[in-house]
Protein backbone atom coordinates (compact mmCIF):
# COMPACT_ATOMS: atom_id res chain seq x y z
CA MET A 1 38.39 64.71 -25.67
CA LYS A 2 37.87 62.02 -28.24
CA ASN A 3 37.80 58.55 -26.74
CA LEU A 4 40.28 56.10 -28.22
CA LEU A 5 39.26 52.52 -28.87
CA SER A 6 40.83 49.90 -26.66
CA ALA A 7 43.45 47.78 -28.37
CA PRO A 8 42.47 44.26 -29.41
CA LEU A 9 44.33 41.28 -28.00
CA VAL A 10 46.41 40.90 -31.14
CA ILE A 11 47.30 43.79 -33.41
CA SER A 12 48.70 43.23 -36.87
CA ALA A 13 50.36 45.84 -39.02
CA LEU A 14 50.83 45.04 -42.70
CA PHE A 15 53.70 46.55 -44.61
CA PHE A 16 54.47 46.22 -48.34
CA VAL A 17 58.06 45.29 -49.05
CA SER A 18 58.21 47.70 -52.02
CA CYS A 19 56.02 50.28 -53.71
CA SER A 20 55.95 48.33 -56.96
CA SER A 21 52.57 47.78 -58.62
CA ASP A 22 53.43 44.10 -59.09
CA ASP A 23 50.57 42.10 -57.59
CA ASP A 24 52.99 39.37 -56.56
CA GLN A 25 54.99 41.52 -54.16
CA PRO A 26 55.13 39.80 -50.74
CA ILE A 27 53.52 41.32 -47.67
CA VAL A 28 55.31 41.26 -44.34
CA GLN A 29 53.03 40.88 -41.34
CA ASN A 30 54.32 42.42 -38.12
CA THR A 31 52.09 41.09 -35.38
CA VAL A 32 52.19 42.34 -31.80
CA GLU A 33 50.78 39.97 -29.25
CA VAL A 34 49.59 41.53 -26.02
CA PRO A 35 51.47 40.04 -23.08
CA ALA A 36 49.59 38.99 -19.96
CA THR A 37 51.87 41.06 -17.73
CA TYR A 38 54.57 43.71 -17.97
CA LYS A 39 57.37 41.14 -18.11
CA PHE A 40 60.00 41.38 -20.83
CA MET A 41 63.15 39.30 -21.06
CA ARG A 42 66.30 39.11 -23.19
CA ASN A 43 68.71 36.21 -22.82
CA SER A 44 66.90 35.11 -19.64
CA GLU A 45 67.38 38.56 -18.08
CA SER A 46 64.69 41.15 -17.40
CA THR A 47 64.86 44.16 -19.68
CA VAL A 48 62.59 46.29 -17.48
CA ASN A 49 64.14 48.97 -15.29
CA PHE A 50 62.62 52.08 -13.74
CA ASP A 51 64.66 52.47 -10.54
CA GLY A 52 64.97 56.23 -10.97
CA GLN A 53 61.21 56.66 -11.06
CA THR A 54 60.73 54.56 -7.94
CA THR A 55 63.33 56.69 -6.17
CA ARG A 56 61.65 59.97 -7.10
CA ILE A 57 58.19 58.75 -6.07
CA LEU A 58 59.58 57.81 -2.65
CA MET A 59 61.38 61.15 -2.38
CA ALA A 60 58.14 62.94 -3.23
CA GLY A 61 56.26 61.03 -0.54
CA GLU A 62 58.79 61.86 2.16
CA THR A 63 58.95 65.51 1.12
CA ALA A 64 55.16 65.93 1.16
CA ASN A 65 54.95 64.26 4.58
CA ALA A 66 57.68 66.54 5.95
CA PHE A 67 55.40 69.54 5.34
CA MET A 68 53.59 68.44 8.50
CA ASP A 69 56.69 67.78 10.63
CA PHE A 70 56.27 70.82 12.85
CA ASP A 71 58.97 69.67 15.26
CA ASN A 72 61.80 69.11 12.81
CA ALA A 73 61.17 70.58 9.37
CA THR A 74 62.77 73.86 8.35
CA GLU A 75 62.73 75.78 5.12
CA ALA A 76 66.28 74.65 4.47
CA SER A 77 65.51 70.98 5.14
CA LEU A 78 62.46 70.93 2.87
CA LEU A 79 64.29 72.73 0.08
CA ALA A 80 67.14 70.23 0.46
CA MET A 81 64.69 67.35 0.06
CA PHE A 82 63.25 68.93 -3.08
CA ASN A 83 66.72 69.54 -4.56
CA HIS A 84 68.54 66.59 -3.00
CA GLN A 85 72.25 66.17 -3.63
CA ALA A 86 73.83 62.73 -3.44
CA GLY A 87 75.24 61.93 -0.02
CA ASN A 88 73.20 64.46 1.95
CA ASN A 89 71.06 63.01 4.74
CA ASP A 90 67.79 64.56 3.62
CA PHE A 91 65.57 61.46 3.91
CA THR A 92 64.86 58.72 6.42
CA GLU A 93 65.67 56.01 3.85
CA ALA A 94 69.43 55.63 3.52
CA TYR A 95 69.36 54.65 -0.14
CA LEU A 96 67.46 57.83 -1.01
CA ASN A 97 70.27 59.81 0.59
CA THR A 98 72.92 58.09 -1.53
CA SER A 99 70.93 58.64 -4.73
CA ASP A 100 71.97 61.25 -7.27
CA LYS A 101 68.28 61.76 -8.19
CA ASN A 102 66.10 64.64 -7.02
CA LEU A 103 62.67 66.10 -7.67
CA ARG A 104 63.59 69.61 -8.72
CA SER A 105 65.56 68.54 -11.79
CA LYS A 106 62.51 66.66 -13.13
CA THR A 107 59.94 69.33 -12.28
CA ALA A 108 58.52 70.90 -15.45
CA ALA A 109 61.45 69.37 -17.31
CA SER A 110 59.88 67.45 -20.19
CA TYR A 111 61.38 67.70 -23.65
CA ASP A 112 58.15 68.53 -25.46
CA TYR A 113 56.86 71.21 -23.09
CA PHE A 114 59.89 72.83 -21.49
CA PHE A 115 63.06 72.19 -23.52
CA THR A 116 62.62 75.56 -25.22
CA ASN A 117 60.39 77.03 -22.52
CA THR A 118 62.91 77.47 -19.74
CA SER A 119 61.27 80.58 -18.32
CA GLU A 120 58.03 78.77 -17.48
CA SER A 121 59.99 75.79 -16.19
CA ALA A 122 61.84 78.09 -13.78
CA GLU A 123 58.56 79.70 -12.75
CA ILE A 124 57.02 76.31 -11.96
CA LYS A 125 60.05 75.21 -9.94
CA ALA A 126 59.79 78.47 -8.00
CA THR A 127 56.12 77.74 -7.25
CA PHE A 128 57.08 74.55 -5.43
CA GLU A 129 59.78 76.37 -3.51
CA ASP A 130 57.21 79.02 -2.60
CA TYR A 131 54.91 76.32 -1.19
CA ILE A 132 57.78 75.24 1.04
CA SER A 133 58.64 78.77 2.12
CA SER A 134 55.01 79.65 2.82
CA GLN A 135 54.40 76.50 4.86
CA ILE A 136 57.39 77.23 7.09
CA ASN A 137 57.02 81.00 7.39
CA GLU A 138 53.23 81.40 7.33
CA VAL A 139 51.70 78.20 8.68
CA PHE A 140 54.31 76.84 11.11
CA PRO A 141 54.33 79.93 13.38
CA ASN A 142 50.52 79.73 13.60
CA ARG A 143 50.32 76.04 14.34
CA MET A 144 48.38 76.63 17.57
CA VAL A 145 46.33 79.55 16.23
CA VAL A 146 42.75 79.06 15.07
CA ALA A 147 42.68 80.06 11.42
CA ALA A 148 40.42 82.88 10.24
CA PRO A 149 39.99 84.87 7.04
CA GLY A 150 43.32 86.57 6.46
CA MET A 151 45.08 84.50 9.13
CA ALA A 152 46.86 81.18 8.74
CA GLY A 153 46.40 78.50 11.34
CA GLN A 154 44.50 75.35 12.15
CA VAL A 155 40.97 74.31 11.29
CA ALA A 156 38.99 71.26 12.35
CA ASP A 157 37.14 69.68 9.46
CA GLY A 158 35.28 66.98 11.36
CA SER A 159 37.87 64.26 10.83
CA ARG A 160 41.20 65.82 11.79
CA THR A 161 42.99 69.10 12.29
CA ARG A 162 44.16 70.76 9.09
CA TYR A 163 46.65 73.59 8.72
CA VAL A 164 45.86 76.27 6.18
CA SER A 165 47.12 79.53 4.74
CA SER A 166 45.43 82.87 5.27
CA LYS A 167 43.21 81.97 2.29
CA GLY A 168 42.38 78.46 3.47
CA LEU A 169 44.86 76.58 1.26
CA GLU A 170 46.72 73.56 2.64
CA TYR A 171 50.18 74.01 1.18
CA ASN A 172 51.06 70.35 1.68
CA GLN A 173 48.13 69.29 -0.49
CA ALA A 174 48.86 71.91 -3.14
CA PHE A 175 52.49 70.73 -3.23
CA ALA A 176 51.68 67.02 -3.55
CA LYS A 177 48.88 67.29 -6.10
CA SER A 178 50.78 69.82 -8.20
CA LEU A 179 53.87 67.59 -8.13
CA LEU A 180 51.74 64.75 -9.46
CA GLY A 181 51.40 66.78 -12.64
CA ALA A 182 54.69 68.66 -12.81
CA VAL A 183 56.87 65.57 -12.31
CA MET A 184 54.96 62.31 -12.79
CA ALA A 185 52.53 63.25 -15.57
CA ASP A 186 54.88 65.66 -17.34
CA GLN A 187 57.76 63.21 -17.43
CA MET A 188 55.48 60.40 -18.57
CA LEU A 189 53.33 62.11 -21.19
CA ASN A 190 55.61 64.82 -22.48
CA ASN A 191 59.07 63.36 -22.08
CA TYR A 192 59.53 59.59 -22.03
CA LEU A 193 56.58 58.91 -24.34
CA SER A 194 57.60 61.73 -26.67
CA ALA A 195 58.70 60.67 -30.15
CA ALA A 196 61.58 63.10 -29.70
CA VAL A 197 62.82 60.99 -26.79
CA LEU A 198 61.81 57.49 -27.89
CA ASP A 199 63.26 58.00 -31.37
CA GLU A 200 66.16 60.27 -30.45
CA GLY A 201 69.37 59.80 -32.40
CA ASN A 202 69.90 56.16 -33.37
CA ASN A 203 67.26 54.76 -31.01
CA ARG A 204 65.11 53.24 -33.76
CA GLU A 205 68.04 51.75 -35.62
CA ASN A 206 69.50 50.34 -32.41
CA ASN A 207 66.15 48.94 -31.35
CA ASP A 208 65.65 47.36 -34.77
CA ASN A 209 69.03 45.68 -34.46
CA GLY A 210 68.70 44.68 -30.81
CA ILE A 211 71.61 46.88 -29.74
CA THR A 212 71.37 47.37 -25.98
CA GLU A 213 72.84 50.10 -23.81
CA GLU A 214 76.34 49.39 -22.59
CA ASN A 215 76.35 46.66 -19.93
CA LYS A 216 72.53 46.64 -19.89
CA SER A 217 69.93 44.16 -21.06
CA TYR A 218 67.63 46.76 -22.65
CA THR A 219 67.68 49.02 -25.67
CA THR A 220 67.42 52.75 -25.08
CA MET A 221 63.89 52.85 -26.50
CA GLU A 222 62.78 50.02 -24.21
CA HIS A 223 64.23 51.84 -21.22
CA LYS A 224 62.57 55.17 -22.06
CA TRP A 225 59.20 53.42 -22.23
CA ASP A 226 59.87 51.72 -18.90
CA GLU A 227 60.71 55.06 -17.31
CA ALA A 228 57.29 56.38 -18.34
CA TYR A 229 55.75 53.22 -16.87
CA GLY A 230 57.66 53.74 -13.63
CA TYR A 231 56.06 57.09 -12.89
CA LEU A 232 52.74 55.28 -12.46
CA TYR A 233 53.76 51.82 -11.27
CA GLY A 234 57.21 52.39 -9.78
CA THR A 235 56.22 51.53 -6.21
CA SER A 236 53.68 48.83 -7.06
CA ALA A 237 53.72 45.69 -4.93
CA ASN A 238 53.80 43.67 -8.16
CA PRO A 239 55.17 45.85 -10.98
CA GLU A 240 54.55 43.12 -13.55
CA ASN A 241 50.83 43.05 -12.69
CA PRO A 242 50.28 46.36 -10.89
CA ASN A 243 46.51 46.66 -11.11
CA LEU A 244 46.21 44.09 -8.33
CA THR A 245 46.94 46.95 -5.92
CA ILE A 246 46.25 50.02 -8.08
CA GLY A 247 45.50 53.01 -5.88
CA GLU A 248 47.35 51.61 -2.88
CA ASP A 249 50.99 51.93 -3.86
CA ASP A 250 51.74 55.65 -3.61
CA LYS A 251 50.01 58.99 -3.01
CA PHE A 252 50.50 60.31 -6.52
CA LEU A 253 49.33 59.06 -9.92
CA ASN A 254 48.94 55.47 -8.74
CA GLU A 255 46.48 56.42 -6.02
CA TYR A 256 44.31 58.52 -8.28
CA VAL A 257 44.16 56.10 -11.18
CA GLY A 258 42.77 53.73 -8.56
CA ARG A 259 40.34 56.31 -7.19
CA VAL A 260 38.99 57.19 -10.62
CA ASN A 261 38.73 53.51 -11.50
CA ASP A 262 36.52 53.04 -8.41
CA ASP A 263 33.94 55.35 -10.00
CA PRO A 264 31.47 53.26 -12.06
CA ASP A 265 31.60 55.93 -14.77
CA PHE A 266 35.33 55.24 -15.28
CA SER A 267 35.64 51.63 -14.15
CA THR A 268 37.80 50.49 -17.07
CA ILE A 269 40.39 53.24 -16.96
CA ALA A 270 43.03 51.36 -14.94
CA ALA A 271 42.86 48.40 -17.31
CA GLU A 272 42.99 50.66 -20.37
CA ILE A 273 46.12 52.40 -19.12
CA PHE A 274 47.91 49.18 -18.17
CA ASP A 275 46.91 47.46 -21.39
CA ALA A 276 48.31 50.36 -23.40
CA PHE A 277 51.58 50.32 -21.49
CA LYS A 278 52.18 46.60 -21.92
CA LEU A 279 51.08 46.57 -25.58
CA GLY A 280 53.27 49.56 -26.36
CA ARG A 281 56.26 47.88 -24.75
CA ALA A 282 55.55 44.68 -26.68
CA ALA A 283 55.32 46.75 -29.86
CA ILE A 284 58.80 48.13 -29.22
CA VAL A 285 60.12 44.59 -28.86
CA ALA A 286 58.34 43.70 -32.12
CA LYS A 287 59.70 46.87 -33.78
CA ASN A 288 56.16 47.97 -34.62
CA TYR A 289 56.24 51.70 -34.04
CA GLU A 290 52.76 52.39 -35.39
CA VAL A 291 51.23 50.25 -32.65
CA ARG A 292 53.59 51.83 -30.12
CA ASP A 293 52.41 55.32 -31.02
CA GLU A 294 48.76 54.27 -30.83
CA GLN A 295 49.36 53.24 -27.23
CA VAL A 296 51.07 56.53 -26.45
CA ALA A 297 47.89 58.31 -27.54
CA ILE A 298 45.76 56.14 -25.25
CA ILE A 299 48.02 56.72 -22.25
CA ARG A 300 48.03 60.47 -22.80
CA GLU A 301 44.27 60.55 -23.06
CA LYS A 302 43.61 58.45 -19.98
CA ILE A 303 46.21 59.97 -17.64
CA SER A 304 44.97 63.44 -18.58
CA GLU A 305 41.45 62.26 -17.86
CA VAL A 306 42.44 61.00 -14.40
CA ILE A 307 43.83 64.41 -13.45
CA ALA A 308 40.75 66.22 -14.72
CA VAL A 309 38.26 63.84 -13.09
CA ARG A 310 39.88 64.12 -9.68
CA GLY A 311 40.12 67.88 -9.95
CA ILE A 312 36.40 68.11 -10.62
CA TYR A 313 35.65 65.52 -7.94
CA TYR A 314 37.35 67.62 -5.26
CA LEU A 315 35.84 70.87 -6.53
CA GLN A 316 32.39 69.35 -6.21
CA ALA A 317 33.16 67.77 -2.83
CA GLY A 318 34.25 71.16 -1.53
CA LYS A 319 31.21 72.86 -3.01
CA ASN A 320 28.89 70.36 -1.36
CA LYS A 321 30.51 71.01 2.03
CA ILE A 322 29.98 74.74 1.60
CA VAL A 323 26.36 74.28 0.55
CA ASP A 324 25.84 72.11 3.63
CA GLY A 325 27.17 74.87 5.87
CA ASP A 326 30.58 73.34 6.60
CA ARG A 327 32.91 75.80 4.88
CA GLN A 328 36.01 74.93 6.89
CA GLY A 329 35.33 71.29 6.17
CA ALA A 330 35.64 72.16 2.47
CA PHE A 331 39.21 73.43 2.69
CA HIS A 332 40.87 70.02 2.42
CA ALA A 333 39.01 69.01 -0.74
CA LEU A 334 39.50 72.45 -2.26
CA SER A 335 43.24 72.31 -1.54
CA GLU A 336 43.47 68.98 -3.34
CA ALA A 337 41.42 70.43 -6.18
CA TYR A 338 43.80 73.38 -6.43
CA GLY A 339 46.74 71.02 -6.97
CA PHE A 340 44.89 68.98 -9.57
CA VAL A 341 43.89 72.13 -11.44
CA TYR A 342 47.54 73.18 -11.41
CA SER A 343 48.44 69.76 -12.83
CA LEU A 344 46.16 70.31 -15.82
CA ARG A 345 49.03 72.32 -17.30
CA PHE A 346 50.87 69.05 -17.91
CA THR A 347 48.03 67.14 -19.57
CA ARG A 348 48.04 66.67 -23.31
CA LYS A 349 45.90 66.07 -26.35
CA SER A 350 46.25 62.47 -27.39
CA ASP A 351 47.00 62.97 -31.07
CA ASN A 352 49.49 65.84 -31.14
CA SER A 353 51.90 67.90 -29.08
CA THR A 354 49.32 70.49 -28.02
CA PRO A 355 48.57 70.87 -24.30
CA LEU A 356 44.96 70.30 -23.32
CA PHE A 357 45.20 73.41 -21.16
CA THR A 358 47.50 76.33 -21.88
CA LYS A 359 49.33 78.14 -19.12
CA THR A 360 46.93 81.06 -19.57
CA GLU A 361 43.91 78.81 -19.14
CA VAL A 362 45.28 77.12 -16.03
CA ASP A 363 46.32 80.44 -14.50
CA ALA A 364 42.79 81.75 -15.07
CA LEU A 365 41.25 78.73 -13.32
CA LEU A 366 43.64 79.03 -10.38
CA ASN A 367 42.87 82.73 -10.15
CA MET A 368 39.15 81.95 -10.01
CA LEU A 369 39.77 79.58 -7.12
CA MET A 370 42.00 81.81 -5.05
CA ASN A 371 41.22 85.39 -6.05
CA SER A 372 37.57 85.53 -7.12
CA SER A 373 36.80 86.66 -3.58
CA ASN A 374 38.70 88.60 -0.93
CA ASN A 375 39.75 85.66 1.21
CA GLY A 376 40.17 82.69 -1.08
CA PHE A 377 38.41 79.57 0.14
CA TRP A 378 36.94 81.43 3.11
CA ASP A 379 34.36 83.10 0.90
CA ILE A 380 34.54 81.44 -2.51
CA ALA A 381 31.07 80.98 -4.00
CA PRO A 382 29.65 77.57 -4.96
CA GLU A 383 28.90 79.03 -8.38
CA THR A 384 32.60 79.69 -8.92
CA LEU A 385 33.43 76.07 -8.13
CA ASP A 386 30.81 74.96 -10.64
CA ALA A 387 32.23 77.31 -13.26
CA VAL A 388 35.75 75.92 -12.84
CA SER A 389 34.39 72.38 -12.96
CA GLU A 390 32.49 73.05 -16.17
CA ALA A 391 35.51 74.67 -17.79
CA ILE A 392 37.54 71.52 -17.13
CA ALA A 393 34.86 69.07 -18.23
CA ALA A 394 34.36 70.99 -21.49
CA LYS A 395 37.70 69.62 -22.69
CA PHE A 396 36.62 66.00 -22.21
CA ASP A 397 33.86 63.54 -23.05
CA PHE A 398 32.44 63.36 -19.53
CA THR A 399 30.20 65.60 -17.45
CA VAL A 400 30.74 67.34 -14.14
CA SER A 401 28.11 65.03 -12.69
CA GLN A 402 30.02 61.94 -13.78
CA ALA A 403 33.36 63.22 -12.49
CA GLY A 404 31.91 64.56 -9.26
CA SER A 405 30.33 61.29 -8.16
CA LEU A 406 31.79 58.05 -6.88
């Protein structure tokens, strides 16, 4: 994938007032200054709000953790967490229970990818419900059974006990890492940063005229951008300067931007993403939509890269365990890899509306991981893991070796 140049500290866009050939026509300079932090004010009041994204990240964390609550979780309780209804006591945090937000409604729900593709959206939602059903009905009854090919149960991987399907897949990991793509990345890249959403209706005109939403301090366009921002930084300790704790604030996109940034081959990626977010938001304030759209392209490129890099990283980590003779020790990494490969469906080319990976391509990669052998991860070949890794890397400007190292 073509690498986009980082934005300079000050970006100027020059616009002619008219198309006349008169050499004396004035030029209007629309300069966007990059703010030091993600802090934006109007009339001494913050214009930044992404409460809904914070809520959904916290809901996702509790739901993923509940996959391992053998004493209390049921299929009904996990499904209720996924499709929470306001007022139901599905979570430990009271304010999550009062919220009218839920995960299911935002799963595979972006405007650009799924507005006219409702059949695939329904299929993806059903996949997450199947993870829940399989965990309860396949893994829970075999909690105390030693797993074997064709039999769900527990495995010891040298650090802790893991609980896997009959093919060695940890459903909790598949759920969490797939959700990272189907909710967080999809909503960010393909919904809130979509021109169809940012510029919907009178959004540009209202933004140009400083018309805010009713009883709010922000314009609709500002808020849509903030909602994209919230899916990465919504639980940050310092949302105005989130890279101080990047990788530590949730178990979804935030964690893995931090993990990828720890790799010397990708050590600028966290800064590039944050810089693009704050410059794009400043461009909206300055009514400079060309600069805004340039930042959208950077964010799409870099978030897609994060998902791909971590997918390859876990594929290679699992392969190395198998080569070293510790096949069961590979299951955890391979389960994470499976979720990241699933999440590739929600990545996107930076300069247009085309997915980096089609549904057919992602389905083929997942099939290689789970069905290239009789028993899934129990007998998958290292060569297959290399082939999947190479197929992913071929879409980007990095190698398997770079992504697979830390």
